[in-house]
Amino acid sequence: MVGPIDSAVERLWLKAAWQTGQRLGALRQLAAKRLPFALPATGPLSDLDGGMQVAIYVLSHDPLVLYTPIGGQRPLSSVAAIGRRFAKRRATFLLMPSWTLERPHIVAKIGRDLAWYRARFPLHELVFLCNTEEERRLIAAVGGMAIFSNHNLMVSEDIFRPLPDVPVEFDAVYNGRISHTKRHYLAFGIERLLHVTFSIGELPLAGDRAFIRRLQAQSPRHSIANPLDEGQPGWLSPQEVNRAYARAAVGLCLSPAEGAMCSSMEYLMAGLPVVSTPSLGGRDVFFDPDYCIIAEPDTAAIRRAVETLRDRAIAREEIRNRTMAKVWPQRRALMDFLSALFERMGSDQPPLSQWPFPGTRTLRRWTALREHAREIAALKPTPYGS
C-alpha cells in the first residue's frame, strides 16, 4: 500500500489486514446498497435504513432542494433511502458524484435505478452534477438529467488561500487518506515531504498504525502534519490543513481514479502548483500547464516534476487568481441553472446573485439519515440562498 516493505512477515500481515478490511467493507456495502430499494414506504420496517450515514445539505426548504453526495457500487442507494422519507413532497435532489462515474457498469445500474425511482417517487427530480463532460454524457445516455458542474466549485476560497507569513519548509505536500488507492509510495523519492493524512476505516487500527510507521520510516526530512495519538493520525481543521499547504512548495495528486479530489482545488486556491498522475474523476478540470504537471506514476518522474515546479517559483497569488478566474464562470453557470430550477418549481424569489453553497465541510456533514430527516421536517419555509 505504501511502497516496498523489507519484512516479508510485515508485508504478508499488511496484505491480510487490507484484504480483511476490504471483505468487511464489501459486506457492509452489499447490505447498504440493497436495503433502501427493498423497504416499504410506510410502517415499522420503513426506518430500518435510518442509521445510514449520509450527507444532506438543504439548499432550499420551499421549494425543497437537497444537495447530497452519491457513490459506491450502487450510487442511488442513499437517494432511495432519502427519497422514501419525502415521497409526498415535491423535491429536487442535486446529486454530487464522490467517485468517478466513468464506469459503464455503474452507469448501467444508475439507469435501471432511475427508472425504478421515477416510478416510485414521481414528485421528485434528480439532477446529476457531473465532474466531467464524459460523466454528463454517460448519465444522459441512460436517461438521467445531468449537467457538467465539477464539485471542486464547492471548495471555499475563504479558507484555502496563500499565507505569506508561513515559511516554506517542504518540497511538496500530499493530502491523502490511508488507502492503497492514494499511492503514497510515488512520493517517496521527494527529498522534503509533508503528509496530511487520515483514516476512514479501510484498514483495522493496527493496519493504520503500520501505515503511519511506514511513512515515518522513509526519511527524517519527511513529516506528518497531523497530531499522532498512539500511532493514529488525528483530524486537522480546514484552517490547519491550509497552513500545512503553506509550508510546502507543491501539492501532490497521486491516485489513478477518484472523484474530483477536493484537495487538488485546495492546493490551487492556496496558491500551490500541482503535480498529478494521469487520472479519472475530474480533478484536472481547473489545471493549467503553466503550474500543473501530469507526470507518469513513477517515483523518479514525480520527483522531477516537483523539482521543476518548485524551481519555477510562480507567485502564489498568481496561481490563486488564475484559478478563481476559471472557477467563477462555472459557478455562475450553476447559479443560472438553479435560478431556472427554482422558478420552474414555483418560487417567486429573484434569480441567485450570490454563491449559495457554504463550502465542502458543511456540505458533507455526515450523520444518520433519520436525524437529517427530522431536521428537515422541523425547518420553517425560507427563501433559497438565505
Protein backbone atom coordinates (compact mmCIF):
# COMPACT_ATOMS: atom_id res chain seq x y z
CA MET A 1 0.00 0.00 0.00
CA VAL A 2 2.74 2.46 0.88
CA GLY A 3 5.52 1.01 -1.23
CA PRO A 4 8.13 -1.74 -0.85
CA ILE A 5 8.28 -3.30 2.63
CA ASP A 6 11.51 -5.00 3.65
CA SER A 7 9.98 -7.54 6.04
CA ALA A 8 8.16 -10.44 4.37
CA VAL A 9 6.18 -11.01 7.55
CA GLU A 10 5.05 -7.37 7.71
CA ARG A 11 4.19 -7.44 4.01
CA LEU A 12 2.01 -10.54 4.44
CA TRP A 13 0.39 -9.15 7.58
CA LEU A 14 -0.47 -5.83 5.94
CA LYS A 15 -1.85 -7.62 2.90
CA ALA A 16 -4.05 -9.84 5.10
CA ALA A 17 -5.25 -6.85 7.11
CA TRP A 18 -6.12 -4.95 3.94
CA GLN A 19 -7.96 -7.94 2.45
CA THR A 20 -9.94 -8.41 5.68
CA GLY A 21 -10.92 -4.76 5.69
CA GLN A 22 -11.95 -4.99 2.04
CA ARG A 23 -14.16 -8.03 2.67
CA LEU A 24 -15.88 -6.44 5.66
CA GLY A 25 -16.38 -3.24 3.69
CA ALA A 26 -17.81 -5.16 0.76
CA LEU A 27 -20.33 -6.91 3.02
CA ARG A 28 -21.42 -3.60 4.55
CA GLN A 29 -21.78 -2.03 1.11
CA LEU A 30 -23.78 -5.01 -0.17
CA ALA A 31 -26.32 -4.59 2.63
CA ALA A 32 -26.42 -0.80 2.33
CA LYS A 33 -26.94 -0.74 -1.43
CA ARG A 34 -29.83 -3.24 -1.47
CA LEU A 35 -31.81 -2.40 1.65
CA PRO A 36 -33.19 1.04 0.61
CA PHE A 37 -34.73 -0.45 -2.52
CA ALA A 38 -36.46 -3.25 -0.60
CA LEU A 39 -38.09 -1.40 2.29
CA PRO A 40 -41.75 -0.32 2.31
CA ALA A 41 -42.68 3.36 2.16
CA THR A 42 -44.53 3.25 5.49
CA GLY A 43 -44.80 1.07 8.55
CA PRO A 44 -42.37 -0.20 11.20
CA LEU A 45 -39.90 -1.59 8.67
CA SER A 46 -39.59 1.64 6.68
CA ASP A 47 -36.91 3.05 9.01
CA LEU A 48 -34.57 0.06 9.02
CA ASP A 49 -32.06 2.08 6.99
CA GLY A 50 -32.44 5.19 9.19
CA GLY A 51 -28.98 4.69 10.67
CA MET A 52 -27.34 5.02 7.24
CA GLN A 53 -24.69 7.75 7.34
CA VAL A 54 -25.43 10.32 4.64
CA ALA A 55 -24.61 13.93 3.90
CA ILE A 56 -27.55 16.18 3.02
CA TYR A 57 -27.48 19.93 2.62
CA VAL A 58 -30.76 21.83 2.35
CA LEU A 59 -30.21 24.40 -0.37
CA SER A 60 -33.87 25.43 -0.19
CA HIS A 61 -36.73 24.34 2.05
CA ASP A 62 -39.52 25.82 -0.04
CA PRO A 63 -39.23 24.61 -2.75
CA LEU A 64 -37.36 21.62 -1.33
CA VAL A 65 -33.94 21.28 -2.97
CA LEU A 66 -31.41 18.95 -1.39
CA TYR A 67 -27.72 18.51 -2.21
CA THR A 68 -26.21 15.09 -1.46
CA PRO A 69 -23.09 13.13 -2.47
CA ILE A 70 -23.51 9.75 -4.17
CA GLY A 71 -21.01 6.96 -4.63
CA GLY A 72 -20.27 3.28 -4.23
CA GLN A 73 -21.22 0.39 -6.44
CA ARG A 74 -24.89 1.44 -6.50
CA PRO A 75 -24.85 5.23 -6.28
CA LEU A 76 -28.61 5.77 -5.94
CA SER A 77 -28.93 3.62 -2.80
CA SER A 78 -28.70 6.58 -0.45
CA VAL A 79 -31.04 8.61 -2.68
CA ALA A 80 -33.66 5.85 -2.49
CA ALA A 81 -33.43 5.95 1.31
CA ILE A 82 -33.71 9.75 1.42
CA GLY A 83 -36.47 9.89 -1.17
CA ARG A 84 -38.71 7.49 0.74
CA ARG A 85 -38.85 9.94 3.64
CA PHE A 86 -40.03 12.80 1.41
CA ALA A 87 -42.19 10.82 -1.00
CA LYS A 88 -45.20 13.13 -0.57
CA ARG A 89 -43.26 16.36 -1.17
CA ARG A 90 -42.20 17.82 -4.45
CA ALA A 91 -38.40 17.88 -4.29
CA THR A 92 -35.26 18.15 -6.38
CA PHE A 93 -32.08 16.29 -5.46
CA LEU A 94 -28.73 17.65 -6.62
CA LEU A 95 -26.50 14.59 -6.80
CA MET A 96 -22.74 15.05 -6.48
CA PRO A 97 -20.67 12.01 -7.56
CA SER A 98 -17.94 11.47 -4.98
CA TRP A 99 -16.25 8.90 -7.22
CA THR A 100 -15.86 8.83 -10.97
CA LEU A 101 -18.92 7.76 -12.95
CA GLU A 102 -16.79 7.00 -16.00
CA ARG A 103 -17.53 3.32 -15.32
CA PRO A 104 -20.09 1.84 -17.75
CA HIS A 105 -21.22 -0.95 -15.40
CA ILE A 106 -22.00 1.59 -12.66
CA VAL A 107 -23.85 3.87 -15.07
CA ALA A 108 -25.91 0.89 -16.25
CA LYS A 109 -27.04 0.34 -12.63
CA ILE A 110 -27.89 4.02 -12.37
CA GLY A 111 -30.09 3.76 -15.47
CA ARG A 112 -32.06 0.84 -14.02
CA ASP A 113 -32.39 2.50 -10.61
CA LEU A 114 -33.51 5.78 -12.18
CA ALA A 115 -36.43 4.01 -13.84
CA TRP A 116 -37.35 2.38 -10.50
CA TYR A 117 -37.06 5.69 -8.64
CA ARG A 118 -39.21 7.66 -11.08
CA ALA A 119 -41.97 5.09 -10.90
CA ARG A 120 -41.97 5.13 -7.11
CA PHE A 121 -41.37 8.85 -6.43
CA PRO A 122 -42.99 10.82 -9.27
CA LEU A 123 -42.81 14.11 -7.31
CA HIS A 124 -39.01 14.05 -7.27
CA GLU A 125 -36.46 15.27 -9.80
CA LEU A 126 -32.87 14.00 -9.75
CA VAL A 127 -30.12 16.19 -11.21
CA PHE A 128 -26.57 14.84 -11.54
CA LEU A 129 -23.84 17.45 -11.07
CA CYS A 130 -21.17 15.71 -13.11
CA ASN A 131 -17.44 16.26 -12.60
CA THR A 132 -16.58 15.78 -16.27
CA GLU A 133 -18.29 16.14 -19.62
CA GLU A 134 -17.87 12.39 -20.15
CA GLU A 135 -19.79 11.70 -16.94
CA ARG A 136 -22.54 14.01 -18.14
CA ARG A 137 -22.70 12.20 -21.47
CA LEU A 138 -22.87 8.76 -19.83
CA ILE A 139 -25.65 9.75 -17.42
CA ALA A 140 -27.65 11.45 -20.17
CA ALA A 141 -27.36 8.29 -22.28
CA VAL A 142 -29.24 6.27 -19.62
CA GLY A 143 -31.97 8.89 -19.30
CA GLY A 144 -30.66 10.96 -16.40
CA MET A 145 -30.82 14.74 -16.11
CA ALA A 146 -27.17 15.78 -15.94
CA ILE A 147 -25.13 18.95 -16.16
CA PHE A 148 -21.38 19.47 -16.07
CA SER A 149 -20.65 21.07 -12.71
CA ASN A 150 -17.41 19.90 -11.11
CA HIS A 151 -17.73 19.55 -7.33
CA ASN A 152 -14.48 21.44 -6.74
CA LEU A 153 -16.56 24.57 -7.28
CA MET A 154 -17.69 23.98 -3.68
CA VAL A 155 -14.22 24.42 -2.13
CA SER A 156 -14.06 27.63 -0.09
CA GLU A 157 -11.53 30.22 -1.25
CA ASP A 158 -12.06 31.99 2.07
CA ILE A 159 -10.41 29.09 3.91
CA PHE A 160 -7.87 27.95 1.34
CA ARG A 161 -5.64 30.87 0.45
CA PRO A 162 -1.96 31.84 0.45
CA LEU A 163 -0.34 32.55 3.83
CA PRO A 164 2.72 34.67 3.00
CA ASP A 165 3.89 34.75 6.63
CA VAL A 166 4.38 30.94 6.77
CA PRO A 167 7.87 29.80 5.68
CA VAL A 168 8.19 27.05 3.06
CA GLU A 169 9.89 24.01 4.62
CA PHE A 170 8.95 21.18 2.25
CA ASP A 171 9.26 20.49 -1.47
CA ALA A 172 5.75 19.02 -1.57
CA VAL A 173 2.66 18.23 0.48
CA TYR A 174 0.31 15.30 -0.08
CA ASN A 175 -3.20 15.33 1.36
CA GLY A 176 -4.32 11.73 1.07
CA ARG A 177 -6.18 9.37 3.36
CA ILE A 178 -4.83 6.00 4.47
CA SER A 179 -5.69 3.97 1.37
CA HIS A 180 -3.91 1.92 -1.26
CA THR A 181 -5.73 4.00 -3.90
CA LYS A 182 -3.73 7.09 -2.89
CA ARG A 183 -0.35 5.58 -3.90
CA HIS A 184 1.69 7.42 -1.27
CA TYR A 185 4.80 5.48 -2.31
CA LEU A 186 5.03 7.50 -5.52
CA ALA A 187 6.15 10.47 -3.41
CA PHE A 188 8.92 8.64 -1.58
CA GLY A 189 11.60 9.99 -3.92
CA ILE A 190 10.88 13.59 -2.90
CA GLU A 191 13.54 14.97 -0.61
CA ARG A 192 11.36 17.00 1.77
CA LEU A 193 7.74 15.84 2.01
CA LEU A 194 4.79 16.74 4.27
CA HIS A 195 1.83 14.38 4.66
CA VAL A 196 -1.71 15.34 5.61
CA THR A 197 -3.49 12.05 6.21
CA PHE A 198 -6.43 10.44 8.00
CA SER A 199 -8.26 7.13 8.27
CA ILE A 200 -11.79 6.27 7.18
CA GLY A 201 -11.51 2.66 8.35
CA GLU A 202 -10.27 0.94 5.21
CA LEU A 203 -7.76 -0.86 7.44
CA PRO A 204 -8.09 -2.08 11.04
CA LEU A 205 -6.42 0.18 13.61
CA ALA A 206 -3.25 -1.92 13.62
CA GLY A 207 -3.06 -1.52 9.84
CA ASP A 208 -3.41 2.26 10.15
CA ARG A 209 -0.55 2.33 12.66
CA ALA A 210 1.65 0.24 10.37
CA PHE A 211 0.88 2.62 7.54
CA ILE A 212 1.93 5.62 9.64
CA ARG A 213 5.12 3.86 10.75
CA ARG A 214 5.97 3.22 7.12
CA LEU A 215 5.53 6.88 6.26
CA GLN A 216 7.69 7.92 9.20
CA ALA A 217 10.44 5.48 8.24
CA GLN A 218 11.03 6.97 4.80
CA SER A 219 13.28 9.86 5.76
CA PRO A 220 13.91 12.24 8.65
CA ARG A 221 13.01 15.00 6.16
CA HIS A 222 9.52 13.59 5.67
CA SER A 223 6.90 14.65 8.20
CA ILE A 224 3.22 14.13 9.09
CA ALA A 225 1.24 17.31 9.74
CA ASN A 226 -1.46 15.54 11.76
CA PRO A 227 -1.08 15.09 15.51
CA LEU A 228 -0.48 11.42 16.35
CA ASP A 229 -2.18 9.65 19.24
CA GLU A 230 -0.86 6.13 19.87
CA GLY A 231 0.20 5.95 16.23
CA GLN A 232 -3.15 7.15 14.86
CA PRO A 233 -3.43 10.46 12.94
CA GLY A 234 -5.84 12.99 14.40
CA TRP A 235 -8.02 15.33 12.36
CA LEU A 236 -6.89 18.75 11.25
CA SER A 237 -9.30 21.64 10.84
CA PRO A 238 -9.57 23.13 7.33
CA GLN A 239 -7.56 26.13 8.56
CA GLU A 240 -4.82 23.80 9.84
CA VAL A 241 -4.79 21.96 6.52
CA ASN A 242 -4.38 25.30 4.72
CA ARG A 243 -1.45 26.13 6.99
CA ALA A 244 0.15 22.78 6.11
CA TYR A 245 -0.19 23.67 2.42
CA ALA A 246 1.59 26.97 3.08
CA ARG A 247 4.62 25.06 4.38
CA ALA A 248 5.16 23.32 1.02
CA ALA A 249 6.14 24.37 -2.50
CA VAL A 250 3.97 21.92 -4.49
CA GLY A 251 0.74 19.93 -3.97
CA LEU A 252 0.50 16.26 -4.97
CA CYS A 253 -2.35 14.23 -6.51
CA LEU A 254 -1.27 10.60 -6.94
CA SER A 255 -4.37 8.41 -7.22
CA PRO A 256 -5.31 6.89 -10.60
CA ALA A 257 -9.05 7.45 -10.13
CA GLU A 258 -11.46 9.02 -7.63
CA GLY A 259 -13.84 11.94 -7.61
CA ALA A 260 -12.71 15.45 -8.48
CA MET A 261 -10.42 15.38 -5.39
CA CYS A 262 -11.15 18.47 -3.31
CA SER A 263 -7.53 18.76 -2.19
CA SER A 264 -6.49 19.45 -5.78
CA MET A 265 -8.59 22.62 -5.70
CA GLU A 266 -7.48 23.42 -2.15
CA TYR A 267 -3.86 23.41 -3.35
CA LEU A 268 -4.68 25.79 -6.20
CA MET A 269 -6.68 28.18 -4.03
CA ALA A 270 -3.78 28.17 -1.57
CA GLY A 271 -1.52 29.14 -4.46
CA LEU A 272 0.35 25.85 -4.83
CA PRO A 273 1.32 24.42 -8.21
CA VAL A 274 0.26 20.79 -8.64
CA VAL A 275 1.93 17.55 -9.71
CA SER A 276 -0.64 14.91 -10.65
CA THR A 277 -0.61 11.48 -12.22
CA PRO A 278 -2.98 10.72 -15.11
CA SER A 279 -6.41 10.15 -13.56
CA LEU A 280 -10.14 9.69 -13.93
CA GLY A 281 -12.55 11.76 -11.89
CA GLY A 282 -12.22 15.37 -12.99
CA ARG A 283 -9.52 16.80 -10.74
CA ASP A 284 -7.72 18.20 -13.77
CA VAL A 285 -10.63 20.41 -14.88
CA PHE A 286 -9.07 23.52 -13.35
CA PHE A 287 -5.43 22.64 -14.05
CA ASP A 288 -3.20 24.92 -16.13
CA PRO A 289 0.02 23.71 -17.83
CA ASP A 290 1.88 26.78 -16.55
CA TYR A 291 1.69 25.47 -12.99
CA CYS A 292 0.35 21.90 -13.21
CA ILE A 293 2.29 18.89 -14.47
CA ILE A 294 0.77 15.49 -15.29
CA ALA A 295 3.62 13.07 -14.56
CA GLU A 296 3.88 9.34 -15.07
CA PRO A 297 3.17 7.24 -11.94
CA ASP A 298 6.85 6.68 -11.22
CA THR A 299 8.82 7.92 -8.21
CA ALA A 300 11.58 9.47 -10.33
CA ALA A 301 9.07 11.21 -12.63
CA ILE A 302 7.13 12.60 -9.66
CA ARG A 303 10.30 13.94 -8.05
CA ARG A 304 11.45 15.61 -11.29
CA ALA A 305 8.04 17.25 -11.76
CA VAL A 306 8.05 18.53 -8.18
CA GLU A 307 11.51 20.00 -8.57
CA THR A 308 10.51 21.63 -11.87
CA LEU A 309 7.50 23.40 -10.36
CA ARG A 310 9.34 24.25 -7.16
CA ASP A 311 12.09 25.95 -9.14
CA ARG A 312 9.64 27.92 -11.29
CA ALA A 313 8.63 29.73 -8.09
CA ILE A 314 5.39 31.07 -9.55
CA ALA A 315 3.79 33.61 -7.23
CA ARG A 316 1.04 32.02 -5.15
CA GLU A 317 -1.35 34.89 -5.72
CA GLU A 318 -0.99 34.41 -9.48
CA ILE A 319 -1.94 30.72 -9.24
CA ARG A 320 -4.87 31.53 -6.98
CA ASN A 321 -6.14 34.40 -9.15
CA ARG A 322 -5.92 32.40 -12.36
CA THR A 323 -7.71 29.50 -10.71
CA MET A 324 -10.54 31.71 -9.46
CA ALA A 325 -10.86 33.18 -12.95
CA LYS A 326 -11.72 29.64 -14.11
CA VAL A 327 -13.96 28.86 -11.14
CA TRP A 328 -16.34 31.80 -11.26
CA PRO A 329 -17.76 31.32 -14.79
CA GLN A 330 -18.68 27.75 -13.85
CA ARG A 331 -20.18 28.88 -10.55
CA ARG A 332 -22.29 31.44 -12.39
CA ALA A 333 -23.45 28.77 -14.83
CA LEU A 334 -24.62 26.62 -11.91
CA MET A 335 -26.34 29.63 -10.30
CA ASP A 336 -28.21 30.30 -13.55
CA PHE A 337 -29.29 26.65 -13.70
CA LEU A 338 -30.50 26.74 -10.09
CA SER A 339 -32.37 30.02 -10.59
CA ALA A 340 -34.24 28.49 -13.51
CA LEU A 341 -34.90 25.37 -11.44
CA PHE A 342 -36.40 27.37 -8.56
CA GLU A 343 -38.61 29.29 -10.98
CA ARG A 344 -39.80 26.04 -12.55
CA MET A 345 -40.64 24.72 -9.06
CA GLY A 346 -42.86 27.73 -8.42
CA SER A 347 -40.60 30.03 -6.44
CA ASP A 348 -41.20 33.76 -6.75
CA GLN A 349 -37.73 34.68 -5.45
CA PRO A 350 -35.37 36.66 -7.71
CA PRO A 351 -32.52 34.87 -9.51
CA LEU A 352 -29.49 33.95 -7.43
CA SER A 353 -26.98 36.77 -7.20
CA GLN A 354 -24.60 35.22 -4.65
CA TRP A 355 -22.95 31.80 -4.46
CA PRO A 356 -25.35 29.78 -2.27
CA PHE A 357 -23.07 26.95 -1.11
CA PRO A 358 -21.18 27.12 2.20
CA GLY A 359 -18.09 25.00 1.44
CA THR A 360 -17.33 21.30 1.39
CA ARG A 361 -17.09 20.74 5.15
CA THR A 362 -20.70 21.91 5.71
CA LEU A 363 -21.97 20.26 2.54
CA ARG A 364 -20.56 16.93 3.73
CA ARG A 365 -21.88 16.79 7.27
CA TRP A 366 -22.29 13.04 7.63
CA THR A 367 -24.88 11.87 10.14
CA ALA A 368 -27.68 9.33 10.43
CA LEU A 369 -30.38 9.63 7.79
CA ARG A 370 -33.19 9.69 10.34
CA GLU A 371 -31.51 12.68 12.05
CA HIS A 372 -31.30 14.57 8.75
CA ALA A 373 -34.98 13.77 8.10
CA ARG A 374 -36.03 15.10 11.50
CA GLU A 375 -34.07 18.32 10.97
CA ILE A 376 -35.56 18.91 7.52
CA ALA A 377 -39.10 18.21 8.74
CA ALA A 378 -38.61 20.79 11.51
CA LEU A 379 -37.40 23.55 9.19
CA LYS A 380 -39.58 26.55 8.61
CA PRO A 381 -40.00 27.62 4.96
CA THR A 382 -37.23 30.02 3.96
CA PRO A 383 -36.25 31.51 0.60
CA TYR A 384 -33.43 29.74 -1.19
CA GLY A 385 -29.97 31.09 -0.62
CA SER A 386 -30.95 32.72 2.69
